[in-house]
Amino acid sequence: MTILDEAAAIVDGARQDNYGPPALNHARTAEMWTTYLGIRITPRMVCIMNALMKISRDKHKPKHDNLVDIAGWARNAEIVSE
């Protein structure tokens, strides 16, 4: 199984079961971040910023899990952009 396969299985399976559809979950987060920051944040931006957080963590300590999560955030960005 590739990193991309792992990410798709997680995003399309367990994560949706735990947190609901990505569009709804990330829209909720975007609303909160928008209020807190005072600038418009979109659900896609939430996904990209979370990917950047994983990239930062990977710079400190490279791990397979970080790559899976980065791919997962890219998948979520694709889903919320549809």
PDB file of N, CA and C in Angstrom:
ATOM      1  N   MET A   1       0.853  -1.183   0.000  1.00  0.00           N
ATOM      2  CA  MET A   1       0.000   0.000   0.000  1.00  0.00           C
ATOM      3  C   MET A   1       0.897   1.245   0.000  1.00  0.00           C
ATOM      4  N   THR A   2       0.570   2.196  -0.856  1.00  0.00           N
ATOM      5  CA  THR A   2       1.357   3.430  -0.926  1.00  0.00           C
ATOM      6  C   THR A   2       0.865   4.442   0.110  1.00  0.00           C
ATOM      7  N   ILE A   3       1.642   5.493   0.294  1.00  0.00           N
ATOM      8  CA  ILE A   3       1.238   6.589   1.185  1.00  0.00           C
ATOM      9  C   ILE A   3      -0.088   7.180   0.731  1.00  0.00           C
ATOM     10  N   LEU A   4      -0.252   7.324  -0.583  1.00  0.00           N
ATOM     11  CA  LEU A   4      -1.497   7.882  -1.107  1.00  0.00           C
ATOM     12  C   LEU A   4      -2.682   6.958  -0.845  1.00  0.00           C
ATOM     13  N   ASP A   5      -2.467   5.651  -0.975  1.00  0.00           N
ATOM     14  CA  ASP A   5      -3.529   4.688  -0.665  1.00  0.00           C
ATOM     15  C   ASP A   5      -3.909   4.758   0.815  1.00  0.00           C
ATOM     16  N   GLU A   6      -2.900   4.836   1.669  1.00  0.00           N
ATOM     17  CA  GLU A   6      -3.156   4.951   3.114  1.00  0.00           C
ATOM     18  C   GLU A   6      -3.968   6.199   3.431  1.00  0.00           C
ATOM     19  N   ALA A   7      -3.551   7.315   2.860  1.00  0.00           N
ATOM     20  CA  ALA A   7      -4.237   8.581   3.116  1.00  0.00           C
ATOM     21  C   ALA A   7      -5.684   8.524   2.642  1.00  0.00           C
ATOM     22  N   ALA A   8      -5.914   7.981   1.453  1.00  0.00           N
ATOM     23  CA  ALA A   8      -7.284   7.885   0.931  1.00  0.00           C
ATOM     24  C   ALA A   8      -8.146   7.009   1.824  1.00  0.00           C
ATOM     25  N   ALA A   9      -7.603   5.896   2.289  1.00  0.00           N
ATOM     26  CA  ALA A   9      -8.365   4.999   3.159  1.00  0.00           C
ATOM     27  C   ALA A   9      -8.743   5.689   4.465  1.00  0.00           C
ATOM     28  N   ILE A  10      -7.839   6.476   5.008  1.00  0.00           N
ATOM     29  CA  ILE A  10      -8.108   7.189   6.254  1.00  0.00           C
ATOM     30  C   ILE A  10      -9.122   8.304   6.036  1.00  0.00           C
ATOM     31  N   VAL A  11      -8.885   9.134   5.022  1.00  0.00           N
ATOM     32  CA  VAL A  11      -9.760  10.285   4.761  1.00  0.00           C
ATOM     33  C   VAL A  11     -11.169   9.823   4.401  1.00  0.00           C
ATOM     34  N   ASP A  12     -11.261   8.811   3.559  1.00  0.00           N
ATOM     35  CA  ASP A  12     -12.567   8.362   3.085  1.00  0.00           C
ATOM     36  C   ASP A  12     -13.246   7.380   4.028  1.00  0.00           C
ATOM     37  N   GLY A  13     -12.553   6.992   5.089  1.00  0.00           N
ATOM     38  CA  GLY A  13     -13.113   6.005   6.014  1.00  0.00           C
ATOM     39  C   GLY A  13     -13.197   6.505   7.433  1.00  0.00           C
ATOM     40  N   ALA A  14     -12.186   6.168   8.221  1.00  0.00           N
ATOM     41  CA  ALA A  14     -12.205   6.422   9.665  1.00  0.00           C
ATOM     42  C   ALA A  14     -12.391   7.894  10.013  1.00  0.00           C
ATOM     43  N   ARG A  15     -11.717   8.787   9.312  1.00  0.00           N
ATOM     44  CA  ARG A  15     -11.836  10.215   9.645  1.00  0.00           C
ATOM     45  C   ARG A  15     -13.262  10.716   9.440  1.00  0.00           C
ATOM     46  N   GLN A  16     -13.905  10.302   8.350  1.00  0.00           N
ATOM     47  CA  GLN A  16     -15.281  10.741   8.124  1.00  0.00           C
ATOM     48  C   GLN A  16     -16.201  10.162   9.189  1.00  0.00           C
ATOM     49  N   ASP A  17     -15.936   8.924   9.596  1.00  0.00           N
ATOM     50  CA  ASP A  17     -16.746   8.321  10.651  1.00  0.00           C
ATOM     51  C   ASP A  17     -16.603   9.095  11.960  1.00  0.00           C
ATOM     52  N   ASN A  18     -15.373   9.548  12.248  1.00  0.00           N
ATOM     53  CA  ASN A  18     -15.102  10.245  13.507  1.00  0.00           C
ATOM     54  C   ASN A  18     -15.481  11.721  13.494  1.00  0.00           C
ATOM     55  N   TYR A  19     -15.285  12.393  12.365  1.00  0.00           N
ATOM     56  CA  TYR A  19     -15.427  13.853  12.323  1.00  0.00           C
ATOM     57  C   TYR A  19     -16.475  14.374  11.350  1.00  0.00           C
ATOM     58  N   GLY A  20     -17.072  13.496  10.567  1.00  0.00           N
ATOM     59  CA  GLY A  20     -18.053  13.921   9.578  1.00  0.00           C
ATOM     60  C   GLY A  20     -17.402  14.252   8.255  1.00  0.00           C
ATOM     61  N   PRO A  21     -18.219  14.641   7.284  1.00  0.00           N
ATOM     62  CA  PRO A  21     -17.688  14.956   5.957  1.00  0.00           C
ATOM     63  C   PRO A  21     -16.670  16.102   6.014  1.00  0.00           C
ATOM     64  N   PRO A  22     -15.561  15.992   5.250  1.00  0.00           N
ATOM     65  CA  PRO A  22     -14.543  17.033   5.279  1.00  0.00           C
ATOM     66  C   PRO A  22     -15.084  18.429   4.991  1.00  0.00           C
ATOM     67  N   ALA A  23     -15.995  18.564   4.042  1.00  0.00           N
ATOM     68  CA  ALA A  23     -16.510  19.898   3.701  1.00  0.00           C
ATOM     69  C   ALA A  23     -17.163  20.552   4.917  1.00  0.00           C
ATOM     70  N   LEU A  24     -17.951  19.807   5.656  1.00  0.00           N
ATOM     71  CA  LEU A  24     -18.619  20.346   6.839  1.00  0.00           C
ATOM     72  C   LEU A  24     -17.622  20.615   7.966  1.00  0.00           C
ATOM     73  N   ASN A  25     -16.748  19.667   8.228  1.00  0.00           N
ATOM     74  CA  ASN A  25     -15.773  19.797   9.302  1.00  0.00           C
ATOM     75  C   ASN A  25     -14.839  20.985   9.063  1.00  0.00           C
ATOM     76  N   HIS A  26     -14.305  21.107   7.852  1.00  0.00           N
ATOM     77  CA  HIS A  26     -13.347  22.177   7.579  1.00  0.00           C
ATOM     78  C   HIS A  26     -14.038  23.535   7.421  1.00  0.00           C
ATOM     79  N   ALA A  27     -15.290  23.535   7.003  1.00  0.00           N
ATOM     80  CA  ALA A  27     -16.049  24.796   6.960  1.00  0.00           C
ATOM     81  C   ALA A  27     -16.244  25.326   8.379  1.00  0.00           C
ATOM     82  N   ARG A  28     -16.516  24.437   9.304  1.00  0.00           N
ATOM     83  CA  ARG A  28     -16.678  24.818  10.711  1.00  0.00           C
ATOM     84  C   ARG A  28     -15.386  25.412  11.252  1.00  0.00           C
ATOM     85  N   THR A  29     -14.267  24.745  10.971  1.00  0.00           N
ATOM     86  CA  THR A  29     -12.964  25.245  11.414  1.00  0.00           C
ATOM     87  C   THR A  29     -12.659  26.585  10.758  1.00  0.00           C
ATOM     88  N   ALA A  30     -12.951  26.706   9.470  1.00  0.00           N
ATOM     89  CA  ALA A  30     -12.705  27.966   8.751  1.00  0.00           C
ATOM     90  C   ALA A  30     -13.478  29.118   9.382  1.00  0.00           C
ATOM     91  N   GLU A  31     -14.721  28.870   9.776  1.00  0.00           N
ATOM     92  CA  GLU A  31     -15.516  29.920  10.436  1.00  0.00           C
ATOM     93  C   GLU A  31     -14.868  30.360  11.739  1.00  0.00           C
ATOM     94  N   MET A  32     -14.392  29.407  12.514  1.00  0.00           N
ATOM     95  CA  MET A  32     -13.752  29.743  13.793  1.00  0.00           C
ATOM     96  C   MET A  32     -12.465  30.514  13.575  1.00  0.00           C
ATOM     97  N   TRP A  33     -11.634  30.065  12.624  1.00  0.00           N
ATOM     98  CA  TRP A  33     -10.379  30.748  12.341  1.00  0.00           C
ATOM     99  C   TRP A  33     -10.643  32.143  11.784  1.00  0.00           C
ATOM    100  N   THR A  34     -11.669  32.278  10.956  1.00  0.00           N
ATOM    101  CA  THR A  34     -12.043  33.586  10.409  1.00  0.00           C
ATOM    102  C   THR A  34     -12.381  34.552  11.537  1.00  0.00           C
ATOM    103  N   THR A  35     -13.186  34.101  12.473  1.00  0.00           N
ATOM    104  CA  THR A  35     -13.567  34.940  13.602  1.00  0.00           C
ATOM    105  C   THR A  35     -12.347  35.311  14.443  1.00  0.00           C
ATOM    106  N   TYR A  36     -11.516  34.335  14.739  1.00  0.00           N
ATOM    107  CA  TYR A  36     -10.351  34.562  15.578  1.00  0.00           C
ATOM    108  C   TYR A  36      -9.340  35.496  14.918  1.00  0.00           C
ATOM    109  N   LEU A  37      -9.057  35.266  13.638  1.00  0.00           N
ATOM    110  CA  LEU A  37      -8.022  36.037  12.938  1.00  0.00           C
ATOM    111  C   LEU A  37      -8.524  37.349  12.346  1.00  0.00           C
ATOM    112  N   GLY A  38      -9.831  37.438  12.126  1.00  0.00           N
ATOM    113  CA  GLY A  38     -10.390  38.648  11.536  1.00  0.00           C
ATOM    114  C   GLY A  38     -10.149  38.757  10.037  1.00  0.00           C
ATOM    115  N   ILE A  39      -9.781  37.648   9.397  1.00  0.00           N
ATOM    116  CA  ILE A  39      -9.642  37.599   7.940  1.00  0.00           C
ATOM    117  C   ILE A  39     -10.361  36.352   7.436  1.00  0.00           C
ATOM    118  N   ARG A  40     -10.787  36.385   6.189  1.00  0.00           N
ATOM    119  CA  ARG A  40     -11.544  35.260   5.642  1.00  0.00           C
ATOM    120  C   ARG A  40     -10.653  34.047   5.420  1.00  0.00           C
ATOM    121  N   ILE A  41     -11.024  32.927   6.035  1.00  0.00           N
ATOM    122  CA  ILE A  41     -10.349  31.646   5.872  1.00  0.00           C
ATOM    123  C   ILE A  41     -11.341  30.694   5.209  1.00  0.00           C
ATOM    124  N   THR A  42     -10.892  29.976   4.198  1.00  0.00           N
ATOM    125  CA  THR A  42     -11.748  29.016   3.509  1.00  0.00           C
ATOM    126  C   THR A  42     -11.446  27.603   3.994  1.00  0.00           C
ATOM    127  N   PRO A  43     -12.369  26.664   3.777  1.00  0.00           N
ATOM    128  CA  PRO A  43     -12.087  25.269   4.135  1.00  0.00           C
ATOM    129  C   PRO A  43     -10.819  24.742   3.456  1.00  0.00           C
ATOM    130  N   ARG A  44     -10.573  25.147   2.206  1.00  0.00           N
ATOM    131  CA  ARG A  44      -9.356  24.707   1.508  1.00  0.00           C
ATOM    132  C   ARG A  44      -8.114  25.242   2.218  1.00  0.00           C
ATOM    133  N   MET A  45      -8.168  26.490   2.677  1.00  0.00           N
ATOM    134  CA  MET A  45      -7.040  27.071   3.400  1.00  0.00           C
ATOM    135  C   MET A  45      -6.781  26.310   4.696  1.00  0.00           C
ATOM    136  N   VAL A  46      -7.828  25.855   5.371  1.00  0.00           N
ATOM    137  CA  VAL A  46      -7.671  25.048   6.584  1.00  0.00           C
ATOM    138  C   VAL A  46      -6.839  23.808   6.258  1.00  0.00           C
ATOM    139  N   CYS A  47      -7.172  23.143   5.163  1.00  0.00           N
ATOM    140  CA  CYS A  47      -6.442  21.936   4.771  1.00  0.00           C
ATOM    141  C   CYS A  47      -4.979  22.244   4.467  1.00  0.00           C
ATOM    142  N   ILE A  48      -4.739  23.299   3.721  1.00  0.00           N
ATOM    143  CA  ILE A  48      -3.369  23.659   3.349  1.00  0.00           C
ATOM    144  C   ILE A  48      -2.556  24.033   4.584  1.00  0.00           C
ATOM    145  N   MET A  49      -3.145  24.792   5.498  1.00  0.00           N
ATOM    146  CA  MET A  49      -2.403  25.192   6.702  1.00  0.00           C
ATOM    147  C   MET A  49      -2.119  23.985   7.601  1.00  0.00           C
ATOM    148  N   ASN A  50      -3.040  23.029   7.654  1.00  0.00           N
ATOM    149  CA  ASN A  50      -2.768  21.815   8.424  1.00  0.00           C
ATOM    150  C   ASN A  50      -1.667  20.990   7.763  1.00  0.00           C
ATOM    151  N   ALA A  51      -1.618  20.973   6.436  1.00  0.00           N
ATOM    152  CA  ALA A  51      -0.520  20.291   5.743  1.00  0.00           C
ATOM    153  C   ALA A  51       0.806  20.971   6.073  1.00  0.00           C
ATOM    154  N   LEU A  52       0.811  22.297   6.107  1.00  0.00           N
ATOM    155  CA  LEU A  52       2.037  23.027   6.462  1.00  0.00           C
ATOM    156  C   LEU A  52       2.493  22.694   7.880  1.00  0.00           C
ATOM    157  N   MET A  53       1.532  22.512   8.798  1.00  0.00           N
ATOM    158  CA  MET A  53       1.885  22.125  10.162  1.00  0.00           C
ATOM    159  C   MET A  53       2.582  20.765  10.151  1.00  0.00           C
ATOM    160  N   LYS A  54       2.058  19.818   9.350  1.00  0.00           N
ATOM    161  CA  LYS A  54       2.674  18.499   9.272  1.00  0.00           C
ATOM    162  C   LYS A  54       4.067  18.584   8.631  1.00  0.00           C
ATOM    163  N   ILE A  55       4.236  19.476   7.653  1.00  0.00           N
ATOM    164  CA  ILE A  55       5.544  19.677   7.030  1.00  0.00           C
ATOM    165  C   ILE A  55       6.535  20.216   8.068  1.00  0.00           C
ATOM    166  N   SER A  56       6.078  21.125   8.904  1.00  0.00           N
ATOM    167  CA  SER A  56       6.927  21.665   9.966  1.00  0.00           C
ATOM    168  C   SER A  56       7.337  20.567  10.946  1.00  0.00           C
ATOM    169  N   ARG A  57       6.388  19.718  11.313  1.00  0.00           N
ATOM    170  CA  ARG A  57       6.706  18.612  12.214  1.00  0.00           C
ATOM    171  C   ARG A  57       7.702  17.658  11.569  1.00  0.00           C
ATOM    172  N   ASP A  58       7.531  17.418  10.259  1.00  0.00           N
ATOM    173  CA  ASP A  58       8.421  16.501   9.559  1.00  0.00           C
ATOM    174  C   ASP A  58       9.839  17.064   9.467  1.00  0.00           C
ATOM    175  N   LYS A  59       9.957  18.382   9.393  1.00  0.00           N
ATOM    176  CA  LYS A  59      11.292  18.997   9.374  1.00  0.00           C
ATOM    177  C   LYS A  59      12.021  18.679  10.674  1.00  0.00           C
ATOM    178  N   HIS A  60      11.299  18.698  11.785  1.00  0.00           N
ATOM    179  CA  HIS A  60      11.890  18.389  13.086  1.00  0.00           C
ATOM    180  C   HIS A  60      12.237  16.906  13.194  1.00  0.00           C
ATOM    181  N   LYS A  61      11.281  16.058  12.789  1.00  0.00           N
ATOM    182  CA  LYS A  61      11.497  14.618  12.910  1.00  0.00           C
ATOM    183  C   LYS A  61      10.735  13.900  11.796  1.00  0.00           C
ATOM    184  N   PRO A  62      11.424  13.564  10.709  1.00  0.00           N
ATOM    185  CA  PRO A  62      10.769  12.873   9.600  1.00  0.00           C
ATOM    186  C   PRO A  62      10.148  11.546  10.053  1.00  0.00           C
ATOM    187  N   LYS A  63       8.860  11.375   9.683  1.00  0.00           N
ATOM    188  CA  LYS A  63       8.138  10.146  10.024  1.00  0.00           C
ATOM    189  C   LYS A  63       7.195   9.790   8.876  1.00  0.00           C
ATOM    190  N   HIS A  64       6.985   8.521   8.698  1.00  0.00           N
ATOM    191  CA  HIS A  64       6.050   8.023   7.686  1.00  0.00           C
ATOM    192  C   HIS A  64       4.660   8.627   7.898  1.00  0.00           C
ATOM    193  N   ASP A  65       4.225   8.683   9.135  1.00  0.00           N
ATOM    194  CA  ASP A  65       2.905   9.221   9.470  1.00  0.00           C
ATOM    195  C   ASP A  65       2.730  10.653   8.969  1.00  0.00           C
ATOM    196  N   ASN A  66       3.773  11.458   9.051  1.00  0.00           N
ATOM    197  CA  ASN A  66       3.685  12.835   8.557  1.00  0.00           C
ATOM    198  C   ASN A  66       3.370  12.861   7.065  1.00  0.00           C
ATOM    199  N   LEU A  67       4.017  11.989   6.297  1.00  0.00           N
ATOM    200  CA  LEU A  67       3.769  11.951   4.855  1.00  0.00           C
ATOM    201  C   LEU A  67       2.344  11.500   4.548  1.00  0.00           C
ATOM    202  N   VAL A  68       1.857  10.532   5.299  1.00  0.00           N
ATOM    203  CA  VAL A  68       0.471  10.084   5.121  1.00  0.00           C
ATOM    204  C   VAL A  68      -0.486  11.234   5.423  1.00  0.00           C
ATOM    205  N   ASP A  69      -0.231  11.946   6.506  1.00  0.00           N
ATOM    206  CA  ASP A  69      -1.106  13.065   6.878  1.00  0.00           C
ATOM    207  C   ASP A  69      -1.051  14.200   5.851  1.00  0.00           C
ATOM    208  N   ILE A  70       0.135  14.496   5.315  1.00  0.00           N
ATOM    209  CA  ILE A  70       0.257  15.535   4.291  1.00  0.00           C
ATOM    210  C   ILE A  70      -0.585  15.145   3.069  1.00  0.00           C
ATOM    211  N   ALA A  71      -0.482  13.884   2.663  1.00  0.00           N
ATOM    212  CA  ALA A  71      -1.293  13.406   1.538  1.00  0.00           C
ATOM    213  C   ALA A  71      -2.780  13.472   1.882  1.00  0.00           C
ATOM    214  N   GLY A  72      -3.110  13.163   3.124  1.00  0.00           N
ATOM    215  CA  GLY A  72      -4.511  13.236   3.560  1.00  0.00           C
ATOM    216  C   GLY A  72      -5.053  14.654   3.514  1.00  0.00           C
ATOM    217  N   TRP A  73      -4.236  15.608   3.924  1.00  0.00           N
ATOM    218  CA  TRP A  73      -4.676  17.006   3.860  1.00  0.00           C
ATOM    219  C   TRP A  73      -4.842  17.462   2.420  1.00  0.00           C
ATOM    220  N   ALA A  74      -3.988  16.979   1.521  1.00  0.00           N
ATOM    221  CA  ALA A  74      -4.158  17.291   0.098  1.00  0.00           C
ATOM    222  C   ALA A  74      -5.467  16.696  -0.417  1.00  0.00           C
ATOM    223  N   ARG A  75      -5.783  15.474  -0.003  1.00  0.00           N
ATOM    224  CA  ARG A  75      -7.052  14.839  -0.389  1.00  0.00           C
ATOM    225  C   ARG A  75      -8.228  15.648   0.136  1.00  0.00           C
ATOM    226  N   ASN A  76      -8.149  16.091   1.384  1.00  0.00           N
ATOM    227  CA  ASN A  76      -9.222  16.912   1.947  1.00  0.00           C
ATOM    228  C   ASN A  76      -9.377  18.216   1.189  1.00  0.00           C
ATOM    229  N   ALA A  77      -8.255  18.836   0.807  1.00  0.00           N
ATOM    230  CA  ALA A  77      -8.313  20.083   0.037  1.00  0.00           C
ATOM    231  C   ALA A  77      -9.043  19.842  -1.287  1.00  0.00           C
ATOM    232  N   GLU A  78      -8.755  18.707  -1.904  1.00  0.00           N
ATOM    233  CA  GLU A  78      -9.449  18.362  -3.147  1.00  0.00           C
ATOM    234  C   GLU A  78     -10.947  18.192  -2.909  1.00  0.00           C
ATOM    235  N   ILE A  79     -11.315  17.497  -1.845  1.00  0.00           N
ATOM    236  CA  ILE A  79     -12.730  17.240  -1.538  1.00  0.00           C
ATOM    237  C   ILE A  79     -13.484  18.548  -1.303  1.00  0.00           C
ATOM    238  N   VAL A  80     -12.916  19.436  -0.490  1.00  0.00           N
ATOM    239  CA  VAL A  80     -13.647  20.675  -0.165  1.00  0.00           C
ATOM    240  C   VAL A  80     -13.664  21.654  -1.326  1.00  0.00           C
ATOM    241  N   SER A  81     -12.810  21.444  -2.331  1.00  0.00           N
ATOM    242  CA  SER A  81     -12.774  22.316  -3.503  1.00  0.00           C
ATOM    243  C   SER A  81     -13.752  21.876  -4.591  1.00  0.00           C
ATOM    244  N   GLU A  82     -14.301  20.669  -4.455  1.00  0.00           N
ATOM    245  CA  GLU A  82     -15.212  20.136  -5.481  1.00  0.00           C
ATOM    246  C   GLU A  82     -16.546  20.837  -5.472  1.00  0.00           C
TER     247      GLU A  82
END
